[in-house]
Amino acid sequence: MTEAATATGDEQVGEEASGAFSMKPLMFETFVCSMAMMSFVALAGPIARVLGLEPWQVGGAMTASGIAWMIMARFWGGLSDRRGARRLTA
């Protein structure tokens, strides 16, 4: 094996290692989104009062968003399985 072939092989291993999948960004994103959802729940009441909304209107909006999330989870999960999570989040 020549030196050029060995160097090329070493470079490819280094490139593959640098492109390795890391869970840290995904975990951070999940944490931030969870915090945003919990903040929305805590702030929905005061915001509704400022906007002059009835409690049932806020409850209806939260219910609709939860149902939409539940329905779309299957769609996004299937799309992620077919195309890859990285392509969807990039």
Protein backbone atom coordinates (compact mmCIF):
# COMPACT_ATOMS: atom_id res chain seq x y z
CA MET A 1 0.00 0.00 0.00
CA THR A 2 1.39 3.42 -0.87
CA GLU A 3 1.73 6.38 1.44
CA ALA A 4 -0.88 8.32 -0.56
CA ALA A 5 -3.43 5.53 -0.16
CA THR A 6 -2.75 5.32 3.58
CA ALA A 7 -3.06 9.10 4.01
CA THR A 8 -6.33 9.13 2.07
CA GLY A 9 -7.68 6.31 4.21
CA ASP A 10 -6.72 8.17 7.39
CA GLU A 11 -8.38 11.36 6.14
CA GLN A 12 -11.61 9.50 5.39
CA VAL A 13 -11.69 8.02 8.88
CA GLY A 14 -11.19 11.51 10.34
CA GLU A 15 -13.99 12.96 8.20
CA GLU A 16 -16.37 10.18 9.22
CA ALA A 17 -15.53 10.68 12.88
CA SER A 18 -16.17 14.43 12.68
CA GLY A 19 -19.56 13.84 11.03
CA ALA A 20 -20.68 11.39 13.72
CA PHE A 21 -24.18 11.85 15.05
CA SER A 22 -24.39 13.61 18.38
CA MET A 23 -27.45 13.48 20.62
CA LYS A 24 -26.50 16.70 22.44
CA PRO A 25 -28.15 19.15 19.97
CA LEU A 26 -31.29 17.01 19.83
CA MET A 27 -31.46 16.79 23.61
CA PHE A 28 -30.98 20.56 23.90
CA GLU A 29 -33.72 21.21 21.35
CA THR A 30 -36.10 18.87 23.17
CA PHE A 31 -35.34 20.63 26.46
CA VAL A 32 -35.93 24.09 24.98
CA CYS A 33 -39.21 23.03 23.31
CA SER A 34 -40.45 21.41 26.50
CA MET A 35 -39.65 24.55 28.46
CA ALA A 36 -41.49 26.66 25.86
CA MET A 37 -44.59 24.45 26.11
CA MET A 38 -44.58 24.57 29.90
CA SER A 39 -44.09 28.34 29.83
CA PHE A 40 -47.05 28.70 27.48
CA VAL A 41 -49.28 26.71 29.83
CA ALA A 42 -48.24 28.87 32.78
CA LEU A 43 -48.68 32.13 30.88
CA ALA A 44 -51.87 31.29 28.96
CA GLY A 45 -54.18 32.43 31.77
CA PRO A 46 -52.65 35.89 32.29
CA ILE A 47 -52.35 36.43 28.54
CA ALA A 48 -55.99 35.42 28.04
CA ARG A 49 -57.10 37.92 30.69
CA VAL A 50 -55.13 40.72 29.03
CA LEU A 51 -56.68 39.83 25.67
CA GLY A 52 -60.15 39.58 27.17
CA LEU A 53 -60.62 35.90 26.27
CA GLU A 54 -62.92 33.53 28.12
CA PRO A 55 -61.38 30.49 29.84
CA TRP A 56 -63.14 28.10 27.43
CA GLN A 57 -61.49 29.86 24.47
CA VAL A 58 -58.03 29.30 25.89
CA GLY A 59 -58.92 25.71 26.74
CA GLY A 60 -60.22 25.16 23.22
CA ALA A 61 -57.02 26.52 21.69
CA MET A 62 -54.87 24.28 23.90
CA THR A 63 -57.05 21.26 23.14
CA ALA A 64 -56.89 21.92 19.39
CA SER A 65 -53.10 22.26 19.49
CA GLY A 66 -52.77 19.01 21.46
CA ILE A 67 -54.98 17.12 19.01
CA ALA A 68 -53.10 18.57 16.03
CA TRP A 69 -49.80 17.54 17.63
CA MET A 70 -51.11 14.01 18.20
CA ILE A 71 -52.38 13.67 14.63
CA MET A 72 -49.29 15.16 12.99
CA ALA A 73 -46.84 13.11 15.09
CA ARG A 74 -47.53 10.02 12.99
CA PHE A 75 -47.02 11.99 9.75
CA TRP A 76 -43.76 13.60 10.88
CA GLY A 77 -42.51 10.31 12.34
CA GLY A 78 -43.11 8.51 9.03
CA LEU A 79 -41.49 11.31 7.07
CA SER A 80 -38.50 11.21 9.41
CA ASP A 81 -38.21 7.44 8.93
CA ARG A 82 -38.28 7.79 5.13
CA ARG A 83 -36.09 10.88 4.67
CA GLY A 84 -34.04 10.98 7.85
CA ALA A 85 -34.33 13.21 10.87
CA ARG A 86 -31.37 15.35 9.87
CA ARG A 87 -32.96 16.34 6.56
CA LEU A 88 -36.16 17.36 8.33
CA THR A 89 -34.54 19.43 11.04
CA ALA A 90 -31.95 21.14 8.86
